[in-house]
Protein backbone atom coordinates (compact mmCIF):
# COMPACT_ATOMS: atom_id res chain seq x y z
CA UNK A 1 -22.45 -9.04 -6.51
CA UNK A 2 -24.58 -9.43 -3.24
CA UNK A 3 -23.31 -10.48 -0.33
CA UNK A 4 -25.31 -12.45 2.66
CA UNK A 5 -24.36 -14.11 5.78
CA UNK A 6 -20.89 -14.19 6.78
CA UNK A 7 -19.70 -12.66 3.45
CA UNK A 8 -21.41 -9.59 4.22
CA UNK A 9 -19.93 -9.42 8.36
CA UNK A 10 -16.13 -10.10 6.74
CA UNK A 11 -16.98 -7.79 4.41
CA UNK A 12 -18.20 -4.52 6.50
CA UNK A 13 -15.60 -5.58 8.86
CA UNK A 14 -12.39 -5.68 6.23
CA UNK A 15 -14.31 -2.23 5.17
CA UNK A 16 -14.47 -0.56 8.34
CA UNK A 17 -10.81 -1.57 9.23
CA UNK A 18 -9.46 -0.63 5.79
CA UNK A 19 -11.18 2.91 6.18
CA UNK A 20 -9.82 3.42 10.05
CA UNK A 21 -6.41 2.29 8.89
CA UNK A 22 -6.59 4.97 6.02
CA UNK A 23 -7.65 7.86 8.32
CA UNK A 24 -5.42 6.65 11.22
CA UNK A 25 -2.69 6.99 8.01
CA UNK A 26 -3.17 10.77 7.39
CA UNK A 27 -3.60 11.77 11.09
CA UNK A 28 -0.21 10.24 12.57
CA UNK A 29 2.26 12.58 12.89
CA UNK A 30 5.28 10.01 12.94
CA UNK A 31 5.70 8.75 9.81
CA UNK A 32 6.50 5.06 11.26
CA UNK A 33 3.03 4.67 12.75
CA UNK A 34 1.47 5.74 9.36
CA UNK A 35 3.59 3.82 7.30
CA UNK A 36 2.36 0.70 9.89
CA UNK A 37 -1.35 2.02 9.45
CA UNK A 38 -0.73 1.95 5.52
CA UNK A 39 0.35 -1.90 6.06
CA UNK A 40 -2.99 -2.66 7.71
CA UNK A 41 -5.17 -0.61 5.10
CA UNK A 42 -3.24 -2.62 2.36
CA UNK A 43 -4.13 -5.94 4.37
CA UNK A 44 -8.10 -5.32 4.82
CA UNK A 45 -8.26 -4.49 0.69
CA UNK A 46 -6.11 -7.65 -0.25
CA UNK A 47 -9.01 -9.31 2.04
CA UNK A 48 -11.49 -7.35 0.14
CA UNK A 49 -9.86 -8.62 -2.73
CA UNK A 50 -9.83 -12.34 -1.45
CA UNK A 51 -13.73 -11.97 -1.29
CA UNK A 52 -14.09 -10.88 -4.82
CA UNK A 53 -12.36 -13.82 -6.07
CA UNK A 54 -9.51 -11.77 -7.35
CA UNK A 55 -6.84 -13.98 -4.95
CA UNK A 56 -3.96 -13.04 -7.67
CA UNK A 57 -4.53 -9.44 -7.04
CA UNK A 58 -4.27 -9.78 -3.20
CA UNK A 59 -1.24 -12.37 -2.84
CA UNK A 60 0.63 -9.80 -5.41
CA UNK A 61 -0.76 -6.58 -2.61
CA UNK A 62 0.51 -8.71 -0.04
CA UNK A 63 4.16 -9.60 -1.56
CA UNK A 64 4.69 -6.63 -3.46
CA UNK A 65 3.29 -3.64 -1.65
CA UNK A 66 3.24 -4.79 1.91
CA UNK A 67 6.34 -7.43 2.15
CA UNK A 68 8.84 -5.48 -0.26
CA UNK A 69 7.72 -1.90 -0.70
CA UNK A 70 6.62 -0.57 2.64
CA UNK A 71 9.04 -2.73 4.52
CA UNK A 72 11.79 -0.77 2.04
CA UNK A 73 9.67 2.84 2.94
CA UNK A 74 9.50 1.71 6.62
CA UNK A 75 13.62 1.09 6.60
CA UNK A 76 14.01 4.51 4.57
CA UNK A 77 12.00 6.43 6.94
CA UNK A 78 14.25 5.20 10.29
CA UNK A 79 17.22 5.74 8.76
CA UNK A 80 16.65 9.52 7.23
CA UNK A 81 14.99 10.46 10.47
CA UNK A 82 16.85 8.73 13.33
CA UNK A 83 16.89 11.49 15.44
CA UNK A 84 13.80 12.08 15.10
CA UNK A 85 12.50 8.71 15.75
CA UNK A 86 15.33 8.47 19.09
CA UNK A 87 13.23 11.88 20.91
CA UNK A 88 10.15 9.51 21.59
CA UNK A 89 8.42 12.86 22.26
CA UNK A 90 5.90 13.67 19.21
CA UNK A 91 2.25 13.52 19.53
CA UNK A 92 0.72 10.45 18.00
CA UNK A 93 -1.71 12.55 15.90
CA UNK A 94 -1.84 16.07 14.53
CA UNK A 95 -3.70 19.14 15.78
CA UNK A 96 -7.11 18.75 16.26
CA UNK A 97 -7.84 21.68 13.78
CA UNK A 98 -5.72 19.56 11.44
CA UNK A 99 -7.87 16.63 11.97
CA UNK A 100 -11.21 17.97 11.65
CA UNK A 101 -10.37 20.10 8.69
CA UNK A 102 -8.82 16.30 6.96
CA UNK A 103 -12.06 14.59 8.30
CA UNK A 104 -14.68 16.99 6.84
CA UNK A 105 -12.90 17.21 3.52
CA UNK A 106 -12.83 13.16 3.75
CA UNK A 107 -16.55 13.21 4.38
CA UNK A 108 -17.49 15.61 1.67
CA UNK A 109 -15.38 13.65 -0.85
CA UNK A 110 -16.86 10.07 0.60
CA UNK A 111 -20.28 11.15 -0.11
CA UNK A 112 -19.75 12.88 -3.71
CA UNK A 113 -17.92 9.35 -4.69
CA UNK A 114 -20.79 7.04 -3.62
CA UNK A 115 -23.50 9.66 -5.29
CA UNK A 116 -21.41 9.50 -8.58
CA UNK A 117 -20.72 5.62 -8.59
CA UNK A 118 -24.15 4.93 -7.40
CA UNK A 119 -25.61 7.23 -10.05
CA UNK A 120 -22.93 5.77 -12.87
CA UNK A 121 -23.74 1.94 -11.80
CA UNK A 122 -27.25 2.66 -11.90
CA UNK A 123 -26.69 4.38 -15.42
CA UNK A 124 -25.15 1.78 -17.09
CA UNK A 125 -26.61 -1.05 -15.78
CA UNK A 126 -29.73 0.06 -17.59
CA UNK A 127 -28.24 0.79 -20.25
CA UNK A 128 -26.23 -2.61 -20.75
CA UNK A 129 -28.80 -4.81 -19.11
CA UNK A 130 -29.28 -7.45 -21.64
CA UNK A 131 -25.11 -7.36 -22.62
CA UNK A 132 -24.40 -7.98 -18.74
CA UNK A 133 -27.00 -10.99 -18.63
CA UNK A 134 -25.23 -12.37 -21.97
CA UNK A 135 -22.19 -11.64 -20.14
CA UNK A 136 -23.13 -13.47 -16.66
CA UNK A 137 -24.31 -16.81 -18.73
CA UNK A 138 -21.20 -17.15 -20.19
CA UNK A 139 -18.90 -16.73 -17.07
CA UNK A 140 -21.03 -18.99 -15.65
CA UNK A 141 -20.47 -21.42 -18.24
CA UNK A 142 -17.22 -21.27 -18.24
CA UNK A 143 -16.70 -21.35 -14.30
CA UNK A 144 -18.54 -24.82 -14.96
CA UNK A 145 -16.58 -25.69 -17.52
CA UNK A 146 -13.43 -25.38 -15.17
CA UNK A 147 -11.75 -28.34 -13.57
CA UNK A 148 -11.78 -29.36 -10.05
CA UNK A 149 -8.61 -28.26 -7.62
CA UNK A 150 -7.06 -31.77 -5.70
CA UNK A 151 -8.88 -30.43 -2.84
CA UNK A 152 -12.19 -30.34 -4.36
CA UNK A 153 -13.58 -27.05 -2.99
CA UNK A 154 -12.06 -24.67 -5.94
CA UNK A 155 -11.86 -24.66 -9.51
CA UNK A 156 -8.58 -24.29 -11.29
CA UNK A 157 -7.97 -21.29 -13.30
CA UNK A 158 -5.73 -19.78 -16.15
CA UNK A 159 -6.11 -16.56 -15.28
CA UNK A 160 -3.06 -16.30 -13.56
CA UNK A 161 -0.78 -17.21 -15.66
CA UNK A 162 -2.42 -15.05 -18.18
CA UNK A 163 -1.80 -12.02 -16.30
CA UNK A 164 1.65 -13.05 -15.36
CA UNK A 165 2.40 -13.91 -19.54
CA UNK A 166 0.80 -10.19 -20.18
CA UNK A 167 2.89 -8.72 -17.39
CA UNK A 168 6.30 -10.41 -18.30
CA UNK A 169 5.44 -10.15 -22.39
CA UNK A 170 4.95 -6.23 -22.38
CA UNK A 171 5.24 -4.64 -18.91
CA UNK A 172 8.34 -6.16 -17.98
CA UNK A 173 11.03 -3.12 -19.40
CA UNK A 174 8.29 -0.59 -17.54
CA UNK A 175 8.46 -2.46 -14.72
CA UNK A 176 12.00 -2.76 -14.32
CA UNK A 177 12.85 0.84 -15.31
CA UNK A 178 10.25 2.13 -12.24
CA UNK A 179 11.95 -0.47 -9.76
CA UNK A 180 15.48 1.05 -10.45
CA UNK A 181 13.81 4.81 -10.07
CA UNK A 182 12.74 3.90 -7.48
CA UNK A 183 16.04 2.50 -5.57
CA UNK A 184 17.83 5.38 -7.09
CA UNK A 185 15.47 7.94 -5.56
CA UNK A 186 15.96 5.88 -1.95
CA UNK A 187 19.21 5.88 -2.06
CA UNK A 188 19.52 9.80 -2.76
CA UNK A 189 17.10 10.35 0.07
CA UNK A 190 19.27 8.28 2.01
CA UNK A 191 22.28 10.00 1.42
CA UNK A 192 21.34 13.60 1.23
CA UNK A 193 19.85 12.91 4.53
CA UNK A 194 23.08 11.58 6.41
CA UNK A 195 24.49 14.30 8.94
CA UNK A 196 28.05 14.54 9.59
CA UNK A 197 27.25 12.85 12.83
CA UNK A 198 26.07 9.87 11.15
CA UNK A 199 29.35 9.77 8.52
CA UNK A 200 31.50 9.75 11.31
CA UNK A 201 29.37 7.03 13.35
CA UNK A 202 29.60 5.17 9.79
CA UNK A 203 33.23 5.11 9.27
CA UNK A 204 33.03 6.78 6.05
CA UNK A 205 35.54 9.51 6.64
CA UNK A 206 39.19 9.41 6.13
CA UNK A 207 40.95 8.86 8.96
CA UNK A 208 43.09 11.90 8.36
CA UNK A 209 40.29 13.95 7.79
CA UNK A 210 38.39 13.09 10.42
CA UNK A 211 41.06 13.52 12.62
CA UNK A 212 40.93 17.27 10.92
CA UNK A 213 37.25 17.45 11.84
CA UNK A 214 37.55 16.38 15.81
CA UNK A 215 40.41 19.04 16.04
CA UNK A 216 38.18 21.65 14.47
CA UNK A 217 35.03 20.53 16.33
CA UNK A 218 36.29 18.51 19.43
CA UNK A 219 32.70 18.21 21.13
CA UNK A 220 31.34 16.70 18.04
CA UNK A 221 33.15 13.52 18.38
CA UNK A 222 31.51 12.52 21.94
C-alpha cells in the first residue's frame, strides 16, 4: 500500500500520536494517567485501521476496548486506589533513570522489529511475487463487482457479516468465558483492596459489629 497526499499526512500524524501515547502509558506514574494515555493509543490505532480499509476492526476497537474495557479499568483503578488518587502529590512520570532505560530498550526493540519486518517482507515479496500479483488482480475485480452504497461513494461488502457470523458461530463460548473471568477478576480485586474505612463508609457492616469497632477504635470513625 503506497500512501500519497493527505493519506500520508494522516498516517504519520496518527502513527506518531500512537507511539507517543504508548510511550507516555509506560512512563506515567499515575495509573489513571496511564489508562488515559492507553485510550489515546487505541484511538490512534483505530484511525490507522480505517486508513487500511478495516472499518469493522476500527469500530470494534473503539466500542470494545475504548468504550468498554478501558472505561471498566478506569472504574476499577479509581475504586481500588482511592486514597492514592486523593493525595494528588504523585509525579506525572517515573524517575529519569527508569525512563532512560525504558527509552533505550524501546529504541532497540523498534529498530530490531523494523529490520526484521523489512527483511521478511522483501523476502516474502520476492518469493511470492507472482501469487501476489494474481491475488491483487482478483481482489480488485471483487471490489469492482461490489454494489455502490446509498451515498455512491463507497462499496457495500459482506466482510463484516462474515466476521460476525464466524465470531458468533465458533467463538461465542470462549468470548463469554473470557468476559466472565474478567468480571470475576475485577470484582475480586475490588473486594481485596477495600479497607476497613471503606467498609464502614459503604455501610456494609452490621450495626452491632460497627459499634464494636467504634468502641475499640474510636479514632477510626472520624
